[in-house]
Amino acid sequence: MSKLILDSEITCPKCDFKKTETMPTDACQYFYECSHCHTILKPLHGDCCVFCSFGTVKCPPIQQGNSCCD
């Protein structure tokens, strides 16, 4: 199994601001506030967390082939 990637660059869909964040390994992150425009992001339909919807890397449970938030 490959090593987990814990950093993901998240992009705000409203203002296109990008910021690299470290993903939690013990919980899904359902909400994220853009530090530039202060929009509150939520996952898109079918995604488990904001990193799966707006990040460059999927969350750790998805990287491991598991369901997130079970």
PDB file of N, CA and C in Angstrom:
ATOM      1  N   MET A   1       0.836  -1.179   0.000  1.00  0.00           N
ATOM      2  CA  MET A   1       0.000   0.000   0.000  1.00  0.00           C
ATOM      3  C   MET A   1       0.888   1.253   0.000  1.00  0.00           C
ATOM      4  N   SER A   2       0.521   2.240  -0.773  1.00  0.00           N
ATOM      5  CA  SER A   2       1.316   3.461  -0.841  1.00  0.00           C
ATOM      6  C   SER A   2       1.031   4.367   0.364  1.00  0.00           C
ATOM      7  N   LYS A   3       1.960   5.246   0.603  1.00  0.00           N
ATOM      8  CA  LYS A   3       1.860   6.168   1.730  1.00  0.00           C
ATOM      9  C   LYS A   3       0.734   7.173   1.501  1.00  0.00           C
ATOM     10  N   LEU A   4       0.016   7.494   2.577  1.00  0.00           N
ATOM     11  CA  LEU A   4      -1.061   8.471   2.491  1.00  0.00           C
ATOM     12  C   LEU A   4      -0.504   9.863   2.241  1.00  0.00           C
ATOM     13  N   ILE A   5      -1.193  10.615   1.426  1.00  0.00           N
ATOM     14  CA  ILE A   5      -0.877  12.024   1.200  1.00  0.00           C
ATOM     15  C   ILE A   5      -1.817  12.815   2.097  1.00  0.00           C
ATOM     16  N   LEU A   6      -1.267  13.620   2.977  1.00  0.00           N
ATOM     17  CA  LEU A   6      -2.093  14.339   3.944  1.00  0.00           C
ATOM     18  C   LEU A   6      -2.325  15.800   3.586  1.00  0.00           C
ATOM     19  N   ASP A   7      -1.553  16.347   2.657  1.00  0.00           N
ATOM     20  CA  ASP A   7      -1.742  17.741   2.245  1.00  0.00           C
ATOM     21  C   ASP A   7      -2.481  17.799   0.924  1.00  0.00           C
ATOM     22  N   SER A   8      -3.441  18.713   0.853  1.00  0.00           N
ATOM     23  CA  SER A   8      -4.235  18.891  -0.351  1.00  0.00           C
ATOM     24  C   SER A   8      -4.432  20.385  -0.579  1.00  0.00           C
ATOM     25  N   GLU A   9      -4.312  20.811  -1.820  1.00  0.00           N
ATOM     26  CA  GLU A   9      -4.574  22.218  -2.138  1.00  0.00           C
ATOM     27  C   GLU A   9      -6.059  22.352  -2.440  1.00  0.00           C
ATOM     28  N   ILE A  10      -6.750  23.102  -1.612  1.00  0.00           N
ATOM     29  CA  ILE A  10      -8.186  23.289  -1.766  1.00  0.00           C
ATOM     30  C   ILE A  10      -8.428  24.606  -2.504  1.00  0.00           C
ATOM     31  N   THR A  11      -9.340  24.581  -3.470  1.00  0.00           N
ATOM     32  CA  THR A  11      -9.644  25.758  -4.286  1.00  0.00           C
ATOM     33  C   THR A  11     -11.082  26.181  -4.058  1.00  0.00           C
ATOM     34  N   CYS A  12     -11.277  27.421  -3.686  1.00  0.00           N
ATOM     35  CA  CYS A  12     -12.622  27.956  -3.481  1.00  0.00           C
ATOM     36  C   CYS A  12     -13.305  28.119  -4.843  1.00  0.00           C
ATOM     37  N   PRO A  13     -14.490  27.540  -5.017  1.00  0.00           N
ATOM     38  CA  PRO A  13     -15.183  27.671  -6.303  1.00  0.00           C
ATOM     39  C   PRO A  13     -15.754  29.067  -6.537  1.00  0.00           C
ATOM     40  N   LYS A  14     -15.850  29.869  -5.493  1.00  0.00           N
ATOM     41  CA  LYS A  14     -16.409  31.222  -5.637  1.00  0.00           C
ATOM     42  C   LYS A  14     -15.353  32.236  -6.074  1.00  0.00           C
ATOM     43  N   CYS A  15     -14.162  32.203  -5.439  1.00  0.00           N
ATOM     44  CA  CYS A  15     -13.150  33.229  -5.732  1.00  0.00           C
ATOM     45  C   CYS A  15     -11.858  32.650  -6.327  1.00  0.00           C
ATOM     46  N   ASP A  16     -11.760  31.324  -6.462  1.00  0.00           N
ATOM     47  CA  ASP A  16     -10.586  30.631  -7.007  1.00  0.00           C
ATOM     48  C   ASP A  16      -9.337  30.756  -6.149  1.00  0.00           C
ATOM     49  N   PHE A  17      -9.489  31.175  -4.895  1.00  0.00           N
ATOM     50  CA  PHE A  17      -8.348  31.231  -3.983  1.00  0.00           C
ATOM     51  C   PHE A  17      -7.912  29.808  -3.665  1.00  0.00           C
ATOM     52  N   LYS A  18      -6.605  29.571  -3.637  1.00  0.00           N
ATOM     53  CA  LYS A  18      -6.057  28.248  -3.361  1.00  0.00           C
ATOM     54  C   LYS A  18      -5.241  28.288  -2.074  1.00  0.00           C
ATOM     55  N   LYS A  19      -5.389  27.234  -1.278  1.00  0.00           N
ATOM     56  CA  LYS A  19      -4.622  27.143  -0.042  1.00  0.00           C
ATOM     57  C   LYS A  19      -4.343  25.670   0.244  1.00  0.00           C
ATOM     58  N   THR A  20      -3.114  25.370   0.621  1.00  0.00           N
ATOM     59  CA  THR A  20      -2.756  24.007   0.983  1.00  0.00           C
ATOM     60  C   THR A  20      -3.094  23.778   2.449  1.00  0.00           C
ATOM     61  N   GLU A  21      -3.835  22.717   2.702  1.00  0.00           N
ATOM     62  CA  GLU A  21      -4.265  22.360   4.055  1.00  0.00           C
ATOM     63  C   GLU A  21      -3.872  20.915   4.341  1.00  0.00           C
ATOM     64  N   THR A  22      -3.689  20.616   5.600  1.00  0.00           N
ATOM     65  CA  THR A  22      -3.453  19.245   6.034  1.00  0.00           C
ATOM     66  C   THR A  22      -4.801  18.625   6.386  1.00  0.00           C
ATOM     67  N   MET A  23      -5.088  17.477   5.780  1.00  0.00           N
ATOM     68  CA  MET A  23      -6.371  16.824   5.987  1.00  0.00           C
ATOM     69  C   MET A  23      -6.378  16.050   7.304  1.00  0.00           C
ATOM     70  N   PRO A  24      -7.524  16.031   7.985  1.00  0.00           N
ATOM     71  CA  PRO A  24      -7.616  15.197   9.192  1.00  0.00           C
ATOM     72  C   PRO A  24      -7.617  13.722   8.804  1.00  0.00           C
ATOM     73  N   THR A  25      -7.029  12.900   9.647  1.00  0.00           N
ATOM     74  CA  THR A  25      -7.002  11.464   9.366  1.00  0.00           C
ATOM     75  C   THR A  25      -8.060  10.711  10.165  1.00  0.00           C
ATOM     76  N   ASP A  26      -8.670  11.379  11.142  1.00  0.00           N
ATOM     77  CA  ASP A  26      -9.614  10.701  12.025  1.00  0.00           C
ATOM     78  C   ASP A  26     -11.060  11.166  11.867  1.00  0.00           C
ATOM     79  N   ALA A  27     -11.333  12.040  10.892  1.00  0.00           N
ATOM     80  CA  ALA A  27     -12.695  12.543  10.695  1.00  0.00           C
ATOM     81  C   ALA A  27     -12.800  13.176   9.307  1.00  0.00           C
ATOM     82  N   CYS A  28     -14.030  13.205   8.802  1.00  0.00           N
ATOM     83  CA  CYS A  28     -14.285  13.920   7.543  1.00  0.00           C
ATOM     84  C   CYS A  28     -14.394  15.408   7.846  1.00  0.00           C
ATOM     85  N   GLN A  29     -14.024  16.213   6.890  1.00  0.00           N
ATOM     86  CA  GLN A  29     -14.202  17.652   7.053  1.00  0.00           C
ATOM     87  C   GLN A  29     -15.334  18.063   6.126  1.00  0.00           C
ATOM     88  N   TYR A  30     -16.502  18.284   6.717  1.00  0.00           N
ATOM     89  CA  TYR A  30     -17.693  18.578   5.943  1.00  0.00           C
ATOM     90  C   TYR A  30     -17.796  20.072   5.603  1.00  0.00           C
ATOM     91  N   PHE A  31     -17.279  20.934   6.454  1.00  0.00           N
ATOM     92  CA  PHE A  31     -17.315  22.378   6.212  1.00  0.00           C
ATOM     93  C   PHE A  31     -15.893  22.920   6.120  1.00  0.00           C
ATOM     94  N   TYR A  32     -15.725  23.956   5.296  1.00  0.00           N
ATOM     95  CA  TYR A  32     -14.433  24.633   5.171  1.00  0.00           C
ATOM     96  C   TYR A  32     -14.719  26.086   4.824  1.00  0.00           C
ATOM     97  N   GLU A  33     -14.116  27.012   5.556  1.00  0.00           N
ATOM     98  CA  GLU A  33     -14.294  28.431   5.267  1.00  0.00           C
ATOM     99  C   GLU A  33     -13.101  28.942   4.477  1.00  0.00           C
ATOM    100  N   CYS A  34     -13.367  29.503   3.305  1.00  0.00           N
ATOM    101  CA  CYS A  34     -12.316  30.099   2.492  1.00  0.00           C
ATOM    102  C   CYS A  34     -11.725  31.281   3.261  1.00  0.00           C
ATOM    103  N   SER A  35     -10.413  31.275   3.405  1.00  0.00           N
ATOM    104  CA  SER A  35      -9.769  32.348   4.160  1.00  0.00           C
ATOM    105  C   SER A  35      -9.696  33.658   3.373  1.00  0.00           C
ATOM    106  N   HIS A  36     -10.059  33.627   2.102  1.00  0.00           N
ATOM    107  CA  HIS A  36     -10.027  34.840   1.283  1.00  0.00           C
ATOM    108  C   HIS A  36     -11.395  35.519   1.220  1.00  0.00           C
ATOM    109  N   CYS A  37     -12.433  34.781   0.796  1.00  0.00           N
ATOM    110  CA  CYS A  37     -13.764  35.394   0.634  1.00  0.00           C
ATOM    111  C   CYS A  37     -14.759  34.968   1.710  1.00  0.00           C
ATOM    112  N   HIS A  38     -14.357  34.053   2.585  1.00  0.00           N
ATOM    113  CA  HIS A  38     -15.142  33.579   3.727  1.00  0.00           C
ATOM    114  C   HIS A  38     -16.390  32.785   3.346  1.00  0.00           C
ATOM    115  N   THR A  39     -16.436  32.286   2.123  1.00  0.00           N
ATOM    116  CA  THR A  39     -17.507  31.380   1.721  1.00  0.00           C
ATOM    117  C   THR A  39     -17.342  30.065   2.480  1.00  0.00           C
ATOM    118  N   ILE A  40     -18.442  29.508   2.945  1.00  0.00           N
ATOM    119  CA  ILE A  40     -18.418  28.207   3.611  1.00  0.00           C
ATOM    120  C   ILE A  40     -18.659  27.141   2.541  1.00  0.00           C
ATOM    121  N   LEU A  41     -17.667  26.272   2.360  1.00  0.00           N
ATOM    122  CA  LEU A  41     -17.773  25.199   1.380  1.00  0.00           C
ATOM    123  C   LEU A  41     -18.330  23.953   2.041  1.00  0.00           C
ATOM    124  N   LYS A  42     -19.152  23.217   1.294  1.00  0.00           N
ATOM    125  CA  LYS A  42     -19.661  21.913   1.697  1.00  0.00           C
ATOM    126  C   LYS A  42     -19.391  20.963   0.543  1.00  0.00           C
ATOM    127  N   PRO A  43     -19.290  19.667   0.810  1.00  0.00           N
ATOM    128  CA  PRO A  43     -19.016  18.717  -0.275  1.00  0.00           C
ATOM    129  C   PRO A  43     -20.092  18.749  -1.355  1.00  0.00           C
ATOM    130  N   LEU A  44     -19.675  18.498  -2.577  1.00  0.00           N
ATOM    131  CA  LEU A  44     -20.624  18.367  -3.678  1.00  0.00           C
ATOM    132  C   LEU A  44     -21.381  17.052  -3.524  1.00  0.00           C
ATOM    133  N   HIS A  45     -22.540  16.960  -4.139  1.00  0.00           N
ATOM    134  CA  HIS A  45     -23.354  15.744  -4.071  1.00  0.00           C
ATOM    135  C   HIS A  45     -22.526  14.531  -4.484  1.00  0.00           C
ATOM    136  N   GLY A  46     -22.534  13.513  -3.654  1.00  0.00           N
ATOM    137  CA  GLY A  46     -21.797  12.297  -3.942  1.00  0.00           C
ATOM    138  C   GLY A  46     -20.407  12.242  -3.338  1.00  0.00           C
ATOM    139  N   ASP A  47     -19.908  13.369  -2.832  1.00  0.00           N
ATOM    140  CA  ASP A  47     -18.596  13.399  -2.183  1.00  0.00           C
ATOM    141  C   ASP A  47     -18.780  13.389  -0.673  1.00  0.00           C
ATOM    142  N   CYS A  48     -17.770  12.877   0.030  1.00  0.00           N
ATOM    143  CA  CYS A  48     -17.874  12.728   1.484  1.00  0.00           C
ATOM    144  C   CYS A  48     -17.333  13.926   2.253  1.00  0.00           C
ATOM    145  N   CYS A  49     -16.462  14.724   1.621  1.00  0.00           N
ATOM    146  CA  CYS A  49     -15.862  15.839   2.351  1.00  0.00           C
ATOM    147  C   CYS A  49     -15.410  16.922   1.362  1.00  0.00           C
ATOM    148  N   VAL A  50     -15.025  18.068   1.904  1.00  0.00           N
ATOM    149  CA  VAL A  50     -14.623  19.186   1.048  1.00  0.00           C
ATOM    150  C   VAL A  50     -13.340  18.896   0.276  1.00  0.00           C
ATOM    151  N   PHE A  51     -12.468  18.045   0.822  1.00  0.00           N
ATOM    152  CA  PHE A  51     -11.232  17.720   0.102  1.00  0.00           C
ATOM    153  C   PHE A  51     -11.519  16.868  -1.131  1.00  0.00           C
ATOM    154  N   CYS A  52     -12.509  15.991  -1.033  1.00  0.00           N
ATOM    155  CA  CYS A  52     -12.876  15.173  -2.201  1.00  0.00           C
ATOM    156  C   CYS A  52     -13.527  16.037  -3.285  1.00  0.00           C
ATOM    157  N   SER A  53     -14.200  17.105  -2.890  1.00  0.00           N
ATOM    158  CA  SER A  53     -14.859  17.979  -3.856  1.00  0.00           C
ATOM    159  C   SER A  53     -13.961  19.081  -4.409  1.00  0.00           C
ATOM    160  N   PHE A  54     -13.140  19.691  -3.564  1.00  0.00           N
ATOM    161  CA  PHE A  54     -12.413  20.898  -3.968  1.00  0.00           C
ATOM    162  C   PHE A  54     -10.899  20.807  -3.828  1.00  0.00           C
ATOM    163  N   GLY A  55     -10.394  19.669  -3.375  1.00  0.00           N
ATOM    164  CA  GLY A  55      -8.959  19.513  -3.154  1.00  0.00           C
ATOM    165  C   GLY A  55      -8.258  18.809  -4.299  1.00  0.00           C
ATOM    166  N   THR A  56      -6.950  18.908  -4.291  1.00  0.00           N
ATOM    167  CA  THR A  56      -6.136  18.228  -5.311  1.00  0.00           C
ATOM    168  C   THR A  56      -5.893  16.769  -4.959  1.00  0.00           C
ATOM    169  N   VAL A  57      -6.154  16.403  -3.694  1.00  0.00           N
ATOM    170  CA  VAL A  57      -5.962  15.038  -3.222  1.00  0.00           C
ATOM    171  C   VAL A  57      -7.221  14.624  -2.457  1.00  0.00           C
ATOM    172  N   LYS A  58      -7.709  13.424  -2.703  1.00  0.00           N
ATOM    173  CA  LYS A  58      -8.863  12.898  -1.971  1.00  0.00           C
ATOM    174  C   LYS A  58      -8.487  12.665  -0.509  1.00  0.00           C
ATOM    175  N   CYS A  59      -9.480  12.594   0.371  1.00  0.00           N
ATOM    176  CA  CYS A  59      -9.244  12.418   1.800  1.00  0.00           C
ATOM    177  C   CYS A  59      -8.606  11.058   2.104  1.00  0.00           C
ATOM    178  N   PRO A  60      -7.938  10.934   3.267  1.00  0.00           N
ATOM    179  CA  PRO A  60      -7.245   9.687   3.609  1.00  0.00           C
ATOM    180  C   PRO A  60      -8.096   8.414   3.531  1.00  0.00           C
ATOM    181  N   PRO A  61      -9.344   8.382   4.037  1.00  0.00           N
ATOM    182  CA  PRO A  61     -10.115   7.135   3.904  1.00  0.00           C
ATOM    183  C   PRO A  61     -10.351   6.724   2.442  1.00  0.00           C
ATOM    184  N   ILE A  62     -10.599   7.676   1.579  1.00  0.00           N
ATOM    185  CA  ILE A  62     -10.811   7.373   0.159  1.00  0.00           C
ATOM    186  C   ILE A  62      -9.499   6.903  -0.466  1.00  0.00           C
ATOM    187  N   GLN A  63      -8.375   7.507  -0.090  1.00  0.00           N
ATOM    188  CA  GLN A  63      -7.073   7.052  -0.594  1.00  0.00           C
ATOM    189  C   GLN A  63      -6.810   5.596  -0.212  1.00  0.00           C
ATOM    190  N   GLN A  64      -7.323   5.174   0.951  1.00  0.00           N
ATOM    191  CA  GLN A  64      -7.131   3.811   1.420  1.00  0.00           C
ATOM    192  C   GLN A  64      -8.154   2.835   0.831  1.00  0.00           C
ATOM    193  N   GLY A  65      -9.097   3.362   0.035  1.00  0.00           N
ATOM    194  CA  GLY A  65     -10.097   2.502  -0.567  1.00  0.00           C
ATOM    195  C   GLY A  65     -11.284   2.219   0.330  1.00  0.00           C
ATOM    196  N   ASN A  66     -11.435   2.995   1.373  1.00  0.00           N
ATOM    197  CA  ASN A  66     -12.555   2.837   2.316  1.00  0.00           C
ATOM    198  C   ASN A  66     -13.617   3.890   2.067  1.00  0.00           C
ATOM    199  N   SER A  67     -14.759   3.680   2.675  1.00  0.00           N
ATOM    200  CA  SER A  67     -15.780   4.713   2.676  1.00  0.00           C
ATOM    201  C   SER A  67     -15.401   5.737   3.732  1.00  0.00           C
ATOM    202  N   CYS A  68     -15.682   6.953   3.463  1.00  0.00           N
ATOM    203  CA  CYS A  68     -15.412   8.011   4.428  1.00  0.00           C
ATOM    204  C   CYS A  68     -16.637   8.136   5.333  1.00  0.00           C
ATOM    205  N   CYS A  69     -16.413   8.439   6.588  1.00  0.00           N
ATOM    206  CA  CYS A  69     -17.480   8.742   7.554  1.00  0.00           C
ATOM    207  C   CYS A  69     -18.396   7.576   7.851  1.00  0.00           C
ATOM    208  N   ASP A  70     -17.930   6.359   7.752  1.00  0.00           N
ATOM    209  CA  ASP A  70     -18.797   5.220   8.120  1.00  0.00           C
ATOM    210  C   ASP A  70     -18.916   5.093   9.605  1.00  0.00           C
TER     211      ASP A  70
END
